[in-house]
Every structure is written in C-alpha cells, then in structure tokens.
Amino acid sequence: MLEQMLTINIFAFMLIFSRIGTMFFLFPGFRGKQVNIRTRLSIALAVAFILTPLMADELPGMPATTMMLFALIAGEVLAGAIIATVALILFSAVQTTGTVIAFISAMANSLIFDPISEQQSAIVAGFLTTTATLLIFVTGLHHVFIRAMIDSYTIFQPGVAPEIGDALALITKTVSATFKIGLQLAAPFIVVSIVYNLVLGIMTRLSPQVPIFFVAMPAQIVVSVILLMITVPAIMLAFMNYVQDGMLPFVSAP
C-alpha cells in the first residue's frame, strides 16, 4: 500500500513539476540570469510539491510504457511553455516601447546591457524593462502568473495534447497586439518628434547659417528626457493593465 502510494505521488509530482518548472524557467522576472538557477529550481519544486495533493486526482493514470510516460511529460512541458511564452511576449511590449523611444529621441546609440532581455539594448529600453519587472513584483502582478499556473490545468488538461494550431494562433495574435501596444505607449514621443522635426525644418529654411545639427541634437535629447519623466507613470500603468488582461484568459473565474 505504501509503495503504491509513493509511486502514485512521485508520478503526479513529476508531471506537475514538468509544467510548473517550465513556466518558472520562462516567466518574466524569473528567467533572467541574475536570478540564481538554484533559486528558480527551489521555487518550482516548492510550488509543485504544494500542488501535488491538490491536482493528483486530475492527472491521468500511470502509463504502461516508458514512451507513453515521455509523451505525457512532453505534453506538460509544451503546455507550460505555451503559457510562459505568451507571458514573455506580453512583457516585450515595454521593450518595444523603449526601443521606439530611443530611436526617435536620438538615444538609440546609447547601449547598455539589459539584464531582463539579456542582450545589449538602448538605455531607455533597459530602464523601462527593469522598472516594469520591479513593478510586477511590487504590485503583486506575479500572483496572476502563479494563478495562471494553477488554472492552466482546466485549460490544458493533463494527458491531452495541446492544440498546436490554436497555440500558434494565440501566439501570433499576442505578438501583433504586443507590437501595437508598444507603439501606442510610445505615441507621445512620436507626436513630439514629428512636431520637433517639422519646426526644425522650418528653422533650417529660415536660417540656413545656423548649425542646426549641433543645436538640435542636445535639445532633442533634453526634450525627450523631460517627456519621459512625465509619461513613465502612464506608460507603466497601461503596460501593467495590458499584461494583466493578457493573462486573464489563462485564469479561471473565481
């Protein structure tokens, strides 16, 4: 009896950890290199251990062959990867916003290593992504990610292979919406840039002898920094609402 119980619990824990571990290794705020891999592993193991007695009844029975076991694990990993990938795409909206702002504010060549995207990016994009990551944990939005982990078992049932076509359609739709919201968040800078360059062109025609390039570049950076100081709260608020709304399809109603 004890041996049978241990076997069932280990099998259930293995399946749950396959999905939960994949999510924790891909979710924004957890996947960065600055987060120790042992810490991520410990958190994933703890959450899987807590969920095992709660989700054990919803899991399929012990498979008869090793190939079927690997197929079940692969299905769980795929389900976790789909949800975590959507979260990553949602989070990249602020990266798009920062890149657009840096490009139109003459700061695109000011590069810095972004610990969130783990690559060289414009300093504005690095600032916005770091701020967004901080706000995810400060505002408790990471609880939505954890809730999506638990409720994912009602959307992607264990033992049932996820619909690849539907998953690809969801990812494609999310990418399109994320790029759109990224441009919308940078809209104030786009408008100011158009007006600024229009005025600059008029000044160039009226005073050809003035070295416009040496005057315009510092002024453009100053105006962009001031505008960034004004709009950052609104950008972050809109971004947080977008991420929350994007994760709600994976969260069951209470």
C-alpha atoms as a PDB file:
ATOM      1  CA  MET A   1       0.000   0.000   0.000  1.00  0.00           C
ATOM      2  CA  LEU A   2       2.750   2.422   0.976  1.00  0.00           C
ATOM      3  CA  GLU A   3       4.753   1.519  -2.117  1.00  0.00           C
ATOM      4  CA  GLN A   4       1.726   2.125  -4.329  1.00  0.00           C
ATOM      5  CA  MET A   5       1.059   5.497  -2.674  1.00  0.00           C
ATOM      6  CA  LEU A   6       4.651   6.598  -3.090  1.00  0.00           C
ATOM      7  CA  THR A   7       4.651   5.531  -6.729  1.00  0.00           C
ATOM      8  CA  ILE A   8       1.481   7.489  -7.487  1.00  0.00           C
ATOM      9  CA  ASN A   9       2.694  10.601  -5.668  1.00  0.00           C
ATOM     10  CA  ILE A  10       6.080  10.564  -7.407  1.00  0.00           C
ATOM     11  CA  PHE A  11       4.383  10.159 -10.785  1.00  0.00           C
ATOM     12  CA  ALA A  12       1.978  13.022 -10.027  1.00  0.00           C
ATOM     13  CA  PHE A  13       4.810  15.212  -8.755  1.00  0.00           C
ATOM     14  CA  MET A  14       6.843  14.502 -11.885  1.00  0.00           C
ATOM     15  CA  LEU A  15       4.016  15.570 -14.194  1.00  0.00           C
ATOM     16  CA  ILE A  16       3.199  18.697 -12.205  1.00  0.00           C
ATOM     17  CA  PHE A  17       6.832  19.731 -11.944  1.00  0.00           C
ATOM     18  CA  SER A  18       7.258  19.314 -15.706  1.00  0.00           C
ATOM     19  CA  ARG A  19       4.668  22.021 -16.314  1.00  0.00           C
ATOM     20  CA  ILE A  20       5.405  24.280 -13.326  1.00  0.00           C
ATOM     21  CA  GLY A  21       9.172  24.088 -13.776  1.00  0.00           C
ATOM     22  CA  THR A  22       8.890  25.063 -17.439  1.00  0.00           C
ATOM     23  CA  MET A  23       6.803  28.105 -16.534  1.00  0.00           C
ATOM     24  CA  PHE A  24       9.155  29.279 -13.806  1.00  0.00           C
ATOM     25  CA  PHE A  25      12.138  28.985 -16.125  1.00  0.00           C
ATOM     26  CA  LEU A  26      10.414  31.140 -18.774  1.00  0.00           C
ATOM     27  CA  PHE A  27       8.209  33.603 -16.875  1.00  0.00           C
ATOM     28  CA  PRO A  28       9.340  37.270 -16.873  1.00  0.00           C
ATOM     29  CA  GLY A  29      11.205  38.156 -13.723  1.00  0.00           C
ATOM     30  CA  PHE A  30      12.237  34.551 -13.075  1.00  0.00           C
ATOM     31  CA  ARG A  31      14.133  33.634 -16.246  1.00  0.00           C
ATOM     32  CA  GLY A  32      16.891  36.250 -16.100  1.00  0.00           C
ATOM     33  CA  LYS A  33      20.478  35.225 -15.463  1.00  0.00           C
ATOM     34  CA  GLN A  34      20.540  37.489 -12.432  1.00  0.00           C
ATOM     35  CA  VAL A  35      18.119  35.049 -10.753  1.00  0.00           C
ATOM     36  CA  ASN A  36      20.103  32.114  -9.426  1.00  0.00           C
ATOM     37  CA  ILE A  37      19.130  28.893 -11.160  1.00  0.00           C
ATOM     38  CA  ARG A  38      19.016  27.065  -7.832  1.00  0.00           C
ATOM     39  CA  THR A  39      16.564  29.652  -6.541  1.00  0.00           C
ATOM     40  CA  ARG A  40      14.288  29.147  -9.536  1.00  0.00           C
ATOM     41  CA  LEU A  41      14.550  25.389  -9.148  1.00  0.00           C
ATOM     42  CA  SER A  42      13.757  25.587  -5.429  1.00  0.00           C
ATOM     43  CA  ILE A  43      10.684  27.755  -6.044  1.00  0.00           C
ATOM     44  CA  ALA A  44       9.439  25.459  -8.807  1.00  0.00           C
ATOM     45  CA  LEU A  45       9.931  22.369  -6.629  1.00  0.00           C
ATOM     46  CA  ALA A  46       8.133  24.001  -3.697  1.00  0.00           C
ATOM     47  CA  VAL A  47       5.134  25.045  -5.821  1.00  0.00           C
ATOM     48  CA  ALA A  48       4.956  21.607  -7.476  1.00  0.00           C
ATOM     49  CA  PHE A  49       5.107  19.935  -4.053  1.00  0.00           C
ATOM     50  CA  ILE A  50       2.204  22.079  -2.820  1.00  0.00           C
ATOM     51  CA  LEU A  51       0.102  21.417  -5.918  1.00  0.00           C
ATOM     52  CA  THR A  52       0.664  17.658  -5.997  1.00  0.00           C
ATOM     53  CA  PRO A  53      -2.018  16.674  -3.435  1.00  0.00           C
ATOM     54  CA  LEU A  54      -4.432  19.215  -4.942  1.00  0.00           C
ATOM     55  CA  MET A  55      -4.046  18.153  -8.567  1.00  0.00           C
ATOM     56  CA  ALA A  56      -3.311  14.431  -8.154  1.00  0.00           C
ATOM     57  CA  ASP A  57      -6.938  13.445  -8.857  1.00  0.00           C
ATOM     58  CA  GLU A  58      -6.981  15.362 -12.148  1.00  0.00           C
ATOM     59  CA  LEU A  59      -3.903  13.650 -13.546  1.00  0.00           C
ATOM     60  CA  PRO A  60      -4.046  10.565 -15.796  1.00  0.00           C
ATOM     61  CA  GLY A  61      -3.065   7.179 -14.500  1.00  0.00           C
ATOM     62  CA  MET A  62       0.380   5.666 -14.583  1.00  0.00           C
ATOM     63  CA  PRO A  63       1.242   4.854 -18.227  1.00  0.00           C
ATOM     64  CA  ALA A  64       2.019   1.302 -19.177  1.00  0.00           C
ATOM     65  CA  THR A  65       5.164   2.046 -21.195  1.00  0.00           C
ATOM     66  CA  THR A  66       8.118   4.393 -20.957  1.00  0.00           C
ATOM     67  CA  MET A  67       7.263   6.019 -24.283  1.00  0.00           C
ATOM     68  CA  MET A  68       3.826   6.970 -23.019  1.00  0.00           C
ATOM     69  CA  LEU A  69       5.434   8.449 -19.904  1.00  0.00           C
ATOM     70  CA  PHE A  70       7.746  10.578 -22.029  1.00  0.00           C
ATOM     71  CA  ALA A  71       4.764  11.651 -24.151  1.00  0.00           C
ATOM     72  CA  LEU A  72       2.874  12.787 -21.036  1.00  0.00           C
ATOM     73  CA  ILE A  73       5.879  14.739 -19.778  1.00  0.00           C
ATOM     74  CA  ALA A  74       6.385  16.325 -23.196  1.00  0.00           C
ATOM     75  CA  GLY A  75       2.729  17.401 -23.240  1.00  0.00           C
ATOM     76  CA  GLU A  76       3.068  19.016 -19.820  1.00  0.00           C
ATOM     77  CA  VAL A  77       6.259  20.815 -20.831  1.00  0.00           C
ATOM     78  CA  LEU A  78       4.560  22.066 -24.005  1.00  0.00           C
ATOM     79  CA  ALA A  79       1.531  23.336 -22.055  1.00  0.00           C
ATOM     80  CA  GLY A  80       3.765  25.221 -19.636  1.00  0.00           C
ATOM     81  CA  ALA A  81       5.870  26.620 -22.475  1.00  0.00           C
ATOM     82  CA  ILE A  82       2.795  27.969 -24.289  1.00  0.00           C
ATOM     83  CA  ILE A  83       1.574  29.945 -21.273  1.00  0.00           C
ATOM     84  CA  ALA A  84       5.042  31.202 -20.357  1.00  0.00           C
ATOM     85  CA  THR A  85       5.754  32.215 -23.965  1.00  0.00           C
ATOM     86  CA  VAL A  86       2.580  34.295 -24.058  1.00  0.00           C
ATOM     87  CA  ALA A  87       3.669  35.997 -20.816  1.00  0.00           C
ATOM     88  CA  LEU A  88       7.094  36.739 -22.315  1.00  0.00           C
ATOM     89  CA  ILE A  89       5.524  38.220 -25.444  1.00  0.00           C
ATOM     90  CA  LEU A  90       3.233  40.407 -23.335  1.00  0.00           C
ATOM     91  CA  PHE A  91       6.213  41.612 -21.351  1.00  0.00           C
ATOM     92  CA  SER A  92       8.121  42.510 -24.510  1.00  0.00           C
ATOM     93  CA  ALA A  93       5.665  45.372 -25.136  1.00  0.00           C
ATOM     94  CA  VAL A  94       7.667  47.629 -22.847  1.00  0.00           C
ATOM     95  CA  GLN A  95      10.865  46.577 -24.639  1.00  0.00           C
ATOM     96  CA  THR A  96       9.305  47.667 -27.928  1.00  0.00           C
ATOM     97  CA  THR A  97       8.247  50.958 -26.375  1.00  0.00           C
ATOM     98  CA  GLY A  98      11.738  51.664 -25.078  1.00  0.00           C
ATOM     99  CA  THR A  99      13.330  50.829 -28.426  1.00  0.00           C
ATOM    100  CA  VAL A 100      10.973  53.161 -30.306  1.00  0.00           C
ATOM    101  CA  ILE A 101      11.520  55.965 -27.795  1.00  0.00           C
ATOM    102  CA  ALA A 102      15.284  55.577 -28.008  1.00  0.00           C
ATOM    103  CA  PHE A 103      15.209  55.587 -31.807  1.00  0.00           C
ATOM    104  CA  ILE A 104      13.172  58.777 -32.187  1.00  0.00           C
ATOM    105  CA  SER A 105      14.879  60.606 -29.304  1.00  0.00           C
ATOM    106  CA  ALA A 106      18.450  60.261 -30.662  1.00  0.00           C
ATOM    107  CA  MET A 107      19.454  57.821 -27.911  1.00  0.00           C
ATOM    108  CA  ALA A 108      19.482  54.632 -29.942  1.00  0.00           C
ATOM    109  CA  ASN A 109      23.286  54.501 -29.945  1.00  0.00           C
ATOM    110  CA  SER A 110      23.434  54.716 -26.158  1.00  0.00           C
ATOM    111  CA  LEU A 111      23.546  50.991 -25.427  1.00  0.00           C
ATOM    112  CA  ILE A 112      23.622  49.163 -22.120  1.00  0.00           C
ATOM    113  CA  PHE A 113      23.371  45.514 -21.131  1.00  0.00           C
ATOM    114  CA  ASP A 114      19.752  44.833 -20.273  1.00  0.00           C
ATOM    115  CA  PRO A 115      19.581  42.128 -17.559  1.00  0.00           C
ATOM    116  CA  ILE A 116      15.951  41.426 -18.412  1.00  0.00           C
ATOM    117  CA  SER A 117      16.278  40.790 -22.141  1.00  0.00           C
ATOM    118  CA  GLU A 118      19.860  39.527 -21.606  1.00  0.00           C
ATOM    119  CA  GLN A 119      21.264  41.487 -24.533  1.00  0.00           C
ATOM    120  CA  GLN A 120      22.580  44.885 -25.468  1.00  0.00           C
ATOM    121  CA  SER A 121      19.686  47.323 -25.786  1.00  0.00           C
ATOM    122  CA  ALA A 122      19.048  51.038 -25.755  1.00  0.00           C
ATOM    123  CA  ILE A 123      19.348  52.616 -22.347  1.00  0.00           C
ATOM    124  CA  VAL A 124      15.708  53.729 -22.433  1.00  0.00           C
ATOM    125  CA  ALA A 125      14.534  50.178 -23.168  1.00  0.00           C
ATOM    126  CA  GLY A 126      16.710  48.822 -20.352  1.00  0.00           C
ATOM    127  CA  PHE A 127      15.314  51.383 -17.940  1.00  0.00           C
ATOM    128  CA  LEU A 128      11.701  50.614 -18.845  1.00  0.00           C
ATOM    129  CA  THR A 129      12.101  46.822 -18.706  1.00  0.00           C
ATOM    130  CA  THR A 130      13.845  46.986 -15.325  1.00  0.00           C
ATOM    131  CA  THR A 131      11.121  49.282 -13.986  1.00  0.00           C
ATOM    132  CA  ALA A 132       8.403  47.003 -15.359  1.00  0.00           C
ATOM    133  CA  THR A 133       9.993  43.944 -13.732  1.00  0.00           C
ATOM    134  CA  LEU A 134      10.150  45.739 -10.397  1.00  0.00           C
ATOM    135  CA  LEU A 135       6.506  46.789 -10.643  1.00  0.00           C
ATOM    136  CA  ILE A 136       5.392  43.236 -11.449  1.00  0.00           C
ATOM    137  CA  PHE A 137       6.553  42.106  -8.017  1.00  0.00           C
ATOM    138  CA  VAL A 138       5.751  45.309  -6.119  1.00  0.00           C
ATOM    139  CA  THR A 139       2.146  45.428  -7.340  1.00  0.00           C
ATOM    140  CA  GLY A 140       1.604  41.682  -6.898  1.00  0.00           C
ATOM    141  CA  LEU A 141       1.062  41.043 -10.592  1.00  0.00           C
ATOM    142  CA  HIS A 142       3.254  37.958 -10.302  1.00  0.00           C
ATOM    143  CA  HIS A 143       0.341  36.383  -8.411  1.00  0.00           C
ATOM    144  CA  VAL A 144      -1.549  36.394 -11.717  1.00  0.00           C
ATOM    145  CA  PHE A 145       1.256  34.310 -13.218  1.00  0.00           C
ATOM    146  CA  ILE A 146       1.060  31.851 -10.317  1.00  0.00           C
ATOM    147  CA  ARG A 147      -2.734  31.737 -10.601  1.00  0.00           C
ATOM    148  CA  ALA A 148      -2.349  31.000 -14.319  1.00  0.00           C
ATOM    149  CA  MET A 149      -0.121  28.040 -13.403  1.00  0.00           C
ATOM    150  CA  ILE A 150      -2.831  26.524 -11.227  1.00  0.00           C
ATOM    151  CA  ASP A 151      -5.753  27.272 -13.526  1.00  0.00           C
ATOM    152  CA  SER A 152      -3.851  26.016 -16.560  1.00  0.00           C
ATOM    153  CA  TYR A 153      -4.980  22.508 -15.629  1.00  0.00           C
ATOM    154  CA  THR A 154      -8.545  23.458 -16.592  1.00  0.00           C
ATOM    155  CA  ILE A 155      -7.394  24.812 -19.972  1.00  0.00           C
ATOM    156  CA  PHE A 156      -4.696  22.286 -20.850  1.00  0.00           C
ATOM    157  CA  GLN A 157      -5.899  19.050 -19.325  1.00  0.00           C
ATOM    158  CA  PRO A 158      -3.133  16.623 -18.329  1.00  0.00           C
ATOM    159  CA  GLY A 159      -2.807  13.716 -20.710  1.00  0.00           C
ATOM    160  CA  VAL A 160      -4.404  15.665 -23.583  1.00  0.00           C
ATOM    161  CA  ALA A 161      -2.019  17.086 -26.158  1.00  0.00           C
ATOM    162  CA  PRO A 162      -2.391  20.862 -26.608  1.00  0.00           C
ATOM    163  CA  GLU A 163      -3.819  22.038 -29.914  1.00  0.00           C
ATOM    164  CA  ILE A 164      -0.751  23.286 -31.771  1.00  0.00           C
ATOM    165  CA  GLY A 165      -2.817  25.237 -34.289  1.00  0.00           C
ATOM    166  CA  ASP A 166      -4.711  27.122 -31.591  1.00  0.00           C
ATOM    167  CA  ALA A 167      -1.496  27.762 -29.665  1.00  0.00           C
ATOM    168  CA  LEU A 168       0.231  29.197 -32.737  1.00  0.00           C
ATOM    169  CA  ALA A 169      -2.799  31.362 -33.500  1.00  0.00           C
ATOM    170  CA  LEU A 170      -2.777  32.663 -29.914  1.00  0.00           C
ATOM    171  CA  ILE A 171       0.944  33.439 -30.045  1.00  0.00           C
ATOM    172  CA  THR A 172       0.587  35.188 -33.407  1.00  0.00           C
ATOM    173  CA  LYS A 173      -2.304  37.282 -32.126  1.00  0.00           C
ATOM    174  CA  THR A 174      -0.364  38.168 -28.979  1.00  0.00           C
ATOM    175  CA  VAL A 175       2.701  39.235 -30.970  1.00  0.00           C
ATOM    176  CA  SER A 176       0.554  41.521 -33.133  1.00  0.00           C
ATOM    177  CA  ALA A 177      -1.219  43.054 -30.134  1.00  0.00           C
ATOM    178  CA  THR A 178       2.069  43.498 -28.253  1.00  0.00           C
ATOM    179  CA  PHE A 179       3.707  45.362 -31.125  1.00  0.00           C
ATOM    180  CA  LYS A 180       0.616  47.544 -31.411  1.00  0.00           C
ATOM    181  CA  ILE A 181       0.524  48.423 -27.719  1.00  0.00           C
ATOM    182  CA  GLY A 182       4.277  49.043 -27.772  1.00  0.00           C
ATOM    183  CA  LEU A 183       3.831  51.696 -30.464  1.00  0.00           C
ATOM    184  CA  GLN A 184       0.820  53.167 -28.683  1.00  0.00           C
ATOM    185  CA  LEU A 185       2.774  53.586 -25.457  1.00  0.00           C
ATOM    186  CA  ALA A 186       5.433  55.476 -27.406  1.00  0.00           C
ATOM    187  CA  ALA A 187       2.834  57.659 -29.170  1.00  0.00           C
ATOM    188  CA  PRO A 188       3.604  60.868 -27.176  1.00  0.00           C
ATOM    189  CA  PHE A 189       7.234  60.671 -28.266  1.00  0.00           C
ATOM    190  CA  ILE A 190       6.267  60.040 -31.881  1.00  0.00           C
ATOM    191  CA  VAL A 191       3.994  63.101 -31.920  1.00  0.00           C
ATOM    192  CA  VAL A 192       6.600  65.310 -30.241  1.00  0.00           C
ATOM    193  CA  SER A 193       9.270  64.034 -32.648  1.00  0.00           C
ATOM    194  CA  ILE A 194       7.126  64.887 -35.694  1.00  0.00           C
ATOM    195  CA  VAL A 195       6.387  68.379 -34.396  1.00  0.00           C
ATOM    196  CA  TYR A 196      10.016  68.923 -33.374  1.00  0.00           C
ATOM    197  CA  ASN A 197      11.417  67.886 -36.752  1.00  0.00           C
ATOM    198  CA  LEU A 198       8.796  69.990 -38.539  1.00  0.00           C
ATOM    199  CA  VAL A 199       9.842  73.071 -36.540  1.00  0.00           C
ATOM    200  CA  LEU A 200      13.481  72.166 -37.117  1.00  0.00           C
ATOM    201  CA  GLY A 201      12.902  72.027 -40.862  1.00  0.00           C
ATOM    202  CA  ILE A 202      11.264  75.446 -40.840  1.00  0.00           C
ATOM    203  CA  MET A 203      14.158  76.878 -38.843  1.00  0.00           C
ATOM    204  CA  THR A 204      16.613  75.402 -41.318  1.00  0.00           C
ATOM    205  CA  ARG A 205      14.851  77.113 -44.215  1.00  0.00           C
ATOM    206  CA  LEU A 206      14.632  80.427 -42.389  1.00  0.00           C
ATOM    207  CA  SER A 207      18.200  80.450 -41.012  1.00  0.00           C
ATOM    208  CA  PRO A 208      20.473  78.296 -43.187  1.00  0.00           C
ATOM    209  CA  GLN A 209      23.578  79.689 -41.499  1.00  0.00           C
ATOM    210  CA  VAL A 210      22.655  78.310 -38.056  1.00  0.00           C
ATOM    211  CA  PRO A 211      24.346  74.928 -37.297  1.00  0.00           C
ATOM    212  CA  ILE A 212      21.068  73.144 -36.728  1.00  0.00           C
ATOM    213  CA  PHE A 213      22.643  69.744 -36.078  1.00  0.00           C
ATOM    214  CA  PHE A 214      24.701  70.921 -33.114  1.00  0.00           C
ATOM    215  CA  VAL A 215      21.747  72.823 -31.671  1.00  0.00           C
ATOM    216  CA  ALA A 216      19.007  70.304 -32.407  1.00  0.00           C
ATOM    217  CA  MET A 217      20.601  67.119 -31.068  1.00  0.00           C
ATOM    218  CA  PRO A 218      21.089  68.262 -27.443  1.00  0.00           C
ATOM    219  CA  ALA A 219      17.686  69.956 -27.445  1.00  0.00           C
ATOM    220  CA  GLN A 220      16.015  66.787 -28.744  1.00  0.00           C
ATOM    221  CA  ILE A 221      17.601  64.677 -26.011  1.00  0.00           C
ATOM    222  CA  VAL A 222      16.587  67.180 -23.304  1.00  0.00           C
ATOM    223  CA  VAL A 223      13.001  67.316 -24.553  1.00  0.00           C
ATOM    224  CA  SER A 224      12.832  63.509 -24.730  1.00  0.00           C
ATOM    225  CA  VAL A 225      14.171  63.081 -21.189  1.00  0.00           C
ATOM    226  CA  ILE A 226      11.663  65.603 -19.823  1.00  0.00           C
ATOM    227  CA  LEU A 227       8.832  63.910 -21.694  1.00  0.00           C
ATOM    228  CA  LEU A 228       9.987  60.525 -20.403  1.00  0.00           C
ATOM    229  CA  MET A 229       9.865  61.811 -16.821  1.00  0.00           C
ATOM    230  CA  ILE A 230       6.278  62.940 -17.387  1.00  0.00           C
ATOM    231  CA  THR A 231       4.969  59.866 -19.197  1.00  0.00           C
ATOM    232  CA  VAL A 232       6.686  56.985 -17.372  1.00  0.00           C
ATOM    233  CA  PRO A 233       3.867  56.563 -14.784  1.00  0.00           C
ATOM    234  CA  ALA A 234       1.208  56.423 -17.511  1.00  0.00           C
ATOM    235  CA  ILE A 235       3.310  54.048 -19.619  1.00  0.00           C
ATOM    236  CA  MET A 236       3.841  51.679 -16.702  1.00  0.00           C
ATOM    237  CA  LEU A 237       0.157  51.767 -15.701  1.00  0.00           C
ATOM    238  CA  ALA A 238      -1.002  50.984 -19.238  1.00  0.00           C
ATOM    239  CA  PHE A 239       1.625  48.245 -19.537  1.00  0.00           C
ATOM    240  CA  MET A 240       0.598  46.574 -16.269  1.00  0.00           C
ATOM    241  CA  ASN A 241      -3.056  46.607 -17.299  1.00  0.00           C
ATOM    242  CA  TYR A 242      -2.112  45.109 -20.668  1.00  0.00           C
ATOM    243  CA  VAL A 243      -0.141  42.268 -19.090  1.00  0.00           C
ATOM    244  CA  GLN A 244      -2.924  41.540 -16.619  1.00  0.00           C
ATOM    245  CA  ASP A 245      -5.585  41.493 -19.342  1.00  0.00           C
ATOM    246  CA  GLY A 246      -3.352  39.294 -21.492  1.00  0.00           C
ATOM    247  CA  MET A 247      -3.015  36.692 -18.735  1.00  0.00           C
ATOM    248  CA  LEU A 248      -6.698  36.642 -17.772  1.00  0.00           C
ATOM    249  CA  PRO A 249      -7.634  34.053 -20.461  1.00  0.00           C
ATOM    250  CA  PHE A 250      -5.468  31.566 -18.548  1.00  0.00           C
ATOM    251  CA  VAL A 251      -7.125  32.394 -15.210  1.00  0.00           C
ATOM    252  CA  SER A 252     -10.441  30.788 -14.346  1.00  0.00           C
ATOM    253  CA  ALA A 253     -13.160  32.941 -12.845  1.00  0.00           C
ATOM    254  CA  PRO A 254     -13.381  32.574  -9.026  1.00  0.00           C
END
